[in-house]
Amino acid sequence: MKTISISQLKTHLSSELKLIRGGQSIVVMDRDTPVAVLGPYEKRNELVIRAPRKPFSTTRPALKLKLDPVAWLLEDRNSR
């Protein structure tokens, strides 16, 4: 991986971008500290939101509990 200073990158940006287009990555240095990595753009799959095949009510039936949550909590606490 090639390293380049910020000032050199400013001066030779077009030629460095040609190298990146060719598949090479470049580490940008601020004195002796690396600050960025420039590399070829990778097209990523974008998120696609599709309509459901079935209405939501048929895919997930509603949960109907005939349970008092407070009574269940007290029963659980008393069993410990």
N, C-alpha and C. Protein backbone atom coordinates (compact mmCIF):
# COMPACT_ATOMS: atom_id res chain seq x y z
N MET A 1 0.86 -1.17 0.00
CA MET A 1 0.00 0.00 0.00
C MET A 1 0.90 1.23 0.00
N LYS A 2 0.61 2.12 -0.88
CA LYS A 2 1.42 3.33 -1.04
C LYS A 2 1.06 4.34 0.04
N THR A 3 2.05 5.09 0.53
CA THR A 3 1.79 6.18 1.47
C THR A 3 2.14 7.49 0.80
N ILE A 4 1.39 8.53 1.19
CA ILE A 4 1.61 9.85 0.60
C ILE A 4 1.27 10.91 1.64
N SER A 5 2.02 12.02 1.61
CA SER A 5 1.73 13.12 2.54
C SER A 5 0.55 13.93 2.02
N ILE A 6 -0.03 14.71 2.89
CA ILE A 6 -1.18 15.53 2.51
C ILE A 6 -0.79 16.53 1.43
N SER A 7 0.36 17.15 1.59
CA SER A 7 0.79 18.15 0.59
C SER A 7 1.04 17.52 -0.77
N GLN A 8 1.63 16.31 -0.79
CA GLN A 8 1.84 15.62 -2.07
C GLN A 8 0.51 15.22 -2.69
N LEU A 9 -0.43 14.81 -1.85
CA LEU A 9 -1.75 14.44 -2.36
C LEU A 9 -2.44 15.64 -3.00
N LYS A 10 -2.34 16.80 -2.34
CA LYS A 10 -2.92 18.02 -2.92
C LYS A 10 -2.31 18.34 -4.28
N THR A 11 -1.01 18.19 -4.37
CA THR A 11 -0.30 18.53 -5.60
C THR A 11 -0.58 17.55 -6.72
N HIS A 12 -0.67 16.28 -6.41
CA HIS A 12 -0.77 15.23 -7.43
C HIS A 12 -2.10 14.46 -7.35
N LEU A 13 -3.17 15.14 -6.99
CA LEU A 13 -4.45 14.46 -6.78
C LEU A 13 -4.91 13.68 -8.00
N SER A 14 -4.84 14.27 -9.17
CA SER A 14 -5.33 13.59 -10.38
C SER A 14 -4.57 12.30 -10.65
N SER A 15 -3.26 12.33 -10.54
CA SER A 15 -2.48 11.11 -10.81
C SER A 15 -2.71 10.06 -9.73
N GLU A 16 -2.91 10.49 -8.49
CA GLU A 16 -3.19 9.53 -7.41
C GLU A 16 -4.57 8.90 -7.60
N LEU A 17 -5.53 9.67 -8.07
CA LEU A 17 -6.86 9.12 -8.34
C LEU A 17 -6.82 8.08 -9.46
N LYS A 18 -5.93 8.27 -10.43
CA LYS A 18 -5.77 7.26 -11.49
C LYS A 18 -5.28 5.94 -10.90
N LEU A 19 -4.33 6.02 -9.95
CA LEU A 19 -3.85 4.80 -9.29
C LEU A 19 -4.97 4.12 -8.51
N ILE A 20 -5.79 4.93 -7.85
CA ILE A 20 -6.90 4.38 -7.08
C ILE A 20 -7.90 3.72 -8.01
N ARG A 21 -8.20 4.36 -9.13
CA ARG A 21 -9.11 3.75 -10.12
C ARG A 21 -8.57 2.42 -10.61
N GLY A 22 -7.25 2.30 -10.64
CA GLY A 22 -6.61 1.05 -11.06
C GLY A 22 -6.64 -0.03 -10.00
N GLY A 23 -7.14 0.28 -8.81
CA GLY A 23 -7.28 -0.73 -7.78
C GLY A 23 -6.32 -0.61 -6.61
N GLN A 24 -5.45 0.38 -6.64
CA GLN A 24 -4.47 0.55 -5.57
C GLN A 24 -5.05 1.39 -4.44
N SER A 25 -4.66 1.09 -3.20
CA SER A 25 -5.07 1.89 -2.05
C SER A 25 -3.89 2.76 -1.62
N ILE A 26 -4.22 3.92 -1.07
CA ILE A 26 -3.20 4.88 -0.66
C ILE A 26 -3.47 5.31 0.78
N VAL A 27 -2.42 5.32 1.61
CA VAL A 27 -2.53 5.81 2.98
C VAL A 27 -2.08 7.25 2.99
N VAL A 28 -2.93 8.14 3.48
CA VAL A 28 -2.60 9.56 3.57
C VAL A 28 -1.99 9.81 4.94
N MET A 29 -0.80 10.43 4.96
CA MET A 29 -0.06 10.65 6.19
C MET A 29 -0.01 12.14 6.55
N ASP A 30 -0.17 12.43 7.82
CA ASP A 30 0.06 13.77 8.36
C ASP A 30 1.32 13.67 9.20
N ARG A 31 2.42 14.05 8.61
CA ARG A 31 3.76 13.82 9.14
C ARG A 31 3.98 12.32 9.28
N ASP A 32 4.05 11.77 10.48
CA ASP A 32 4.27 10.33 10.64
C ASP A 32 2.99 9.60 11.06
N THR A 33 1.87 10.28 11.02
CA THR A 33 0.61 9.69 11.48
C THR A 33 -0.33 9.42 10.31
N PRO A 34 -0.76 8.17 10.14
CA PRO A 34 -1.75 7.91 9.09
C PRO A 34 -3.10 8.50 9.48
N VAL A 35 -3.74 9.19 8.54
CA VAL A 35 -5.02 9.84 8.83
C VAL A 35 -6.17 9.33 7.97
N ALA A 36 -5.85 8.69 6.84
CA ALA A 36 -6.92 8.21 5.97
C ALA A 36 -6.38 7.16 5.02
N VAL A 37 -7.30 6.33 4.56
CA VAL A 37 -6.98 5.36 3.52
C VAL A 37 -7.90 5.65 2.34
N LEU A 38 -7.31 5.89 1.18
CA LEU A 38 -8.09 6.10 -0.03
C LEU A 38 -8.01 4.83 -0.85
N GLY A 39 -9.17 4.35 -1.27
CA GLY A 39 -9.20 3.13 -2.06
C GLY A 39 -10.29 3.18 -3.10
N PRO A 40 -10.31 2.17 -3.98
CA PRO A 40 -11.32 2.15 -5.03
C PRO A 40 -12.73 2.07 -4.45
N TYR A 41 -13.64 2.70 -5.12
CA TYR A 41 -15.04 2.69 -4.72
C TYR A 41 -15.63 1.31 -4.99
N GLU A 42 -16.29 0.76 -3.99
CA GLU A 42 -16.95 -0.53 -4.15
C GLU A 42 -18.45 -0.31 -4.08
N LYS A 43 -19.11 -0.63 -5.16
CA LYS A 43 -20.55 -0.47 -5.18
C LYS A 43 -21.17 -1.52 -4.27
N ARG A 44 -21.98 -1.08 -3.36
CA ARG A 44 -22.63 -1.98 -2.41
C ARG A 44 -24.08 -2.16 -2.81
N ASN A 45 -24.61 -3.31 -2.42
CA ASN A 45 -26.03 -3.54 -2.67
C ASN A 45 -26.83 -2.58 -1.80
N GLU A 46 -27.77 -1.92 -2.42
CA GLU A 46 -28.60 -0.98 -1.69
C GLU A 46 -29.78 -1.70 -1.07
N LEU A 47 -30.28 -1.16 0.01
CA LEU A 47 -31.42 -1.72 0.70
C LEU A 47 -32.67 -1.50 -0.16
N VAL A 48 -33.37 -2.58 -0.40
CA VAL A 48 -34.60 -2.51 -1.19
C VAL A 48 -35.76 -2.91 -0.28
N ILE A 49 -36.74 -2.04 -0.16
CA ILE A 49 -37.91 -2.33 0.67
C ILE A 49 -39.05 -2.70 -0.27
N ARG A 50 -39.52 -3.91 -0.09
CA ARG A 50 -40.61 -4.41 -0.94
C ARG A 50 -41.89 -4.49 -0.14
N ALA A 51 -42.99 -4.44 -0.85
CA ALA A 51 -44.29 -4.58 -0.20
C ALA A 51 -44.45 -6.02 0.26
N PRO A 52 -45.14 -6.25 1.39
CA PRO A 52 -45.34 -7.61 1.85
C PRO A 52 -46.22 -8.40 0.89
N ARG A 53 -45.99 -9.71 0.84
CA ARG A 53 -46.80 -10.56 -0.04
C ARG A 53 -48.20 -10.76 0.51
N LYS A 54 -48.30 -10.79 1.84
CA LYS A 54 -49.58 -10.96 2.50
C LYS A 54 -49.78 -9.79 3.45
N PRO A 55 -51.01 -9.47 3.77
CA PRO A 55 -51.23 -8.42 4.78
C PRO A 55 -50.59 -8.83 6.11
N PHE A 56 -50.15 -7.87 6.86
CA PHE A 56 -49.44 -8.15 8.11
C PHE A 56 -50.30 -8.96 9.07
N SER A 57 -51.58 -8.70 9.12
CA SER A 57 -52.44 -9.40 10.08
C SER A 57 -52.49 -10.91 9.81
N THR A 58 -52.26 -11.33 8.56
CA THR A 58 -52.28 -12.76 8.28
C THR A 58 -50.90 -13.40 8.48
N THR A 59 -49.86 -12.59 8.44
CA THR A 59 -48.53 -13.17 8.63
C THR A 59 -48.18 -13.33 10.10
N ARG A 60 -48.67 -12.46 10.95
CA ARG A 60 -48.41 -12.53 12.39
C ARG A 60 -49.72 -12.34 13.15
N PRO A 61 -50.29 -13.43 13.64
CA PRO A 61 -51.53 -13.25 14.40
C PRO A 61 -51.26 -12.47 15.69
N ALA A 62 -52.22 -11.70 16.09
CA ALA A 62 -52.08 -10.91 17.30
C ALA A 62 -51.99 -11.82 18.51
N LEU A 63 -51.16 -11.48 19.44
CA LEU A 63 -50.98 -12.25 20.66
C LEU A 63 -52.04 -11.79 21.65
N LYS A 64 -52.88 -12.73 22.03
CA LYS A 64 -53.95 -12.40 22.98
C LYS A 64 -53.71 -13.20 24.25
N LEU A 65 -53.38 -12.50 25.31
CA LEU A 65 -53.13 -13.16 26.59
C LEU A 65 -54.30 -12.93 27.52
N LYS A 66 -54.67 -13.99 28.19
CA LYS A 66 -55.69 -13.87 29.22
C LYS A 66 -54.97 -14.05 30.55
N LEU A 67 -54.00 -13.20 30.77
CA LEU A 67 -53.15 -13.31 31.92
C LEU A 67 -52.95 -11.92 32.49
N ASP A 68 -53.06 -11.83 33.80
CA ASP A 68 -52.80 -10.56 34.46
C ASP A 68 -51.30 -10.42 34.66
N PRO A 69 -50.65 -9.45 34.02
CA PRO A 69 -49.20 -9.35 34.12
C PRO A 69 -48.71 -9.11 35.55
N VAL A 70 -49.48 -8.39 36.34
CA VAL A 70 -49.08 -8.12 37.72
C VAL A 70 -49.11 -9.41 38.53
N ALA A 71 -50.16 -10.20 38.34
CA ALA A 71 -50.26 -11.48 39.05
C ALA A 71 -49.12 -12.41 38.63
N TRP A 72 -48.80 -12.42 37.36
CA TRP A 72 -47.72 -13.27 36.89
C TRP A 72 -46.38 -12.82 37.48
N LEU A 73 -46.16 -11.51 37.56
CA LEU A 73 -44.92 -10.98 38.11
C LEU A 73 -44.80 -11.32 39.60
N LEU A 74 -45.90 -11.14 40.34
CA LEU A 74 -45.86 -11.48 41.77
C LEU A 74 -45.63 -12.97 41.98
N GLU A 75 -46.23 -13.80 41.16
CA GLU A 75 -46.02 -15.25 41.27
C GLU A 75 -44.57 -15.61 40.99
N ASP A 76 -43.98 -14.97 39.99
CA ASP A 76 -42.58 -15.23 39.66
C ASP A 76 -41.66 -14.77 40.78
N ARG A 77 -41.95 -13.62 41.35
CA ARG A 77 -41.09 -13.11 42.44
C ARG A 77 -41.21 -13.98 43.69
N ASN A 78 -42.40 -14.45 43.98
CA ASN A 78 -42.59 -15.29 45.17
C ASN A 78 -41.96 -16.66 45.02
N SER A 79 -41.76 -17.11 43.80
CA SER A 79 -41.18 -18.44 43.60
C SER A 79 -39.65 -18.43 43.74
N ARG A 80 -39.07 -17.27 43.87
CA ARG A 80 -37.59 -17.18 43.99
C ARG A 80 -37.14 -17.24 45.41
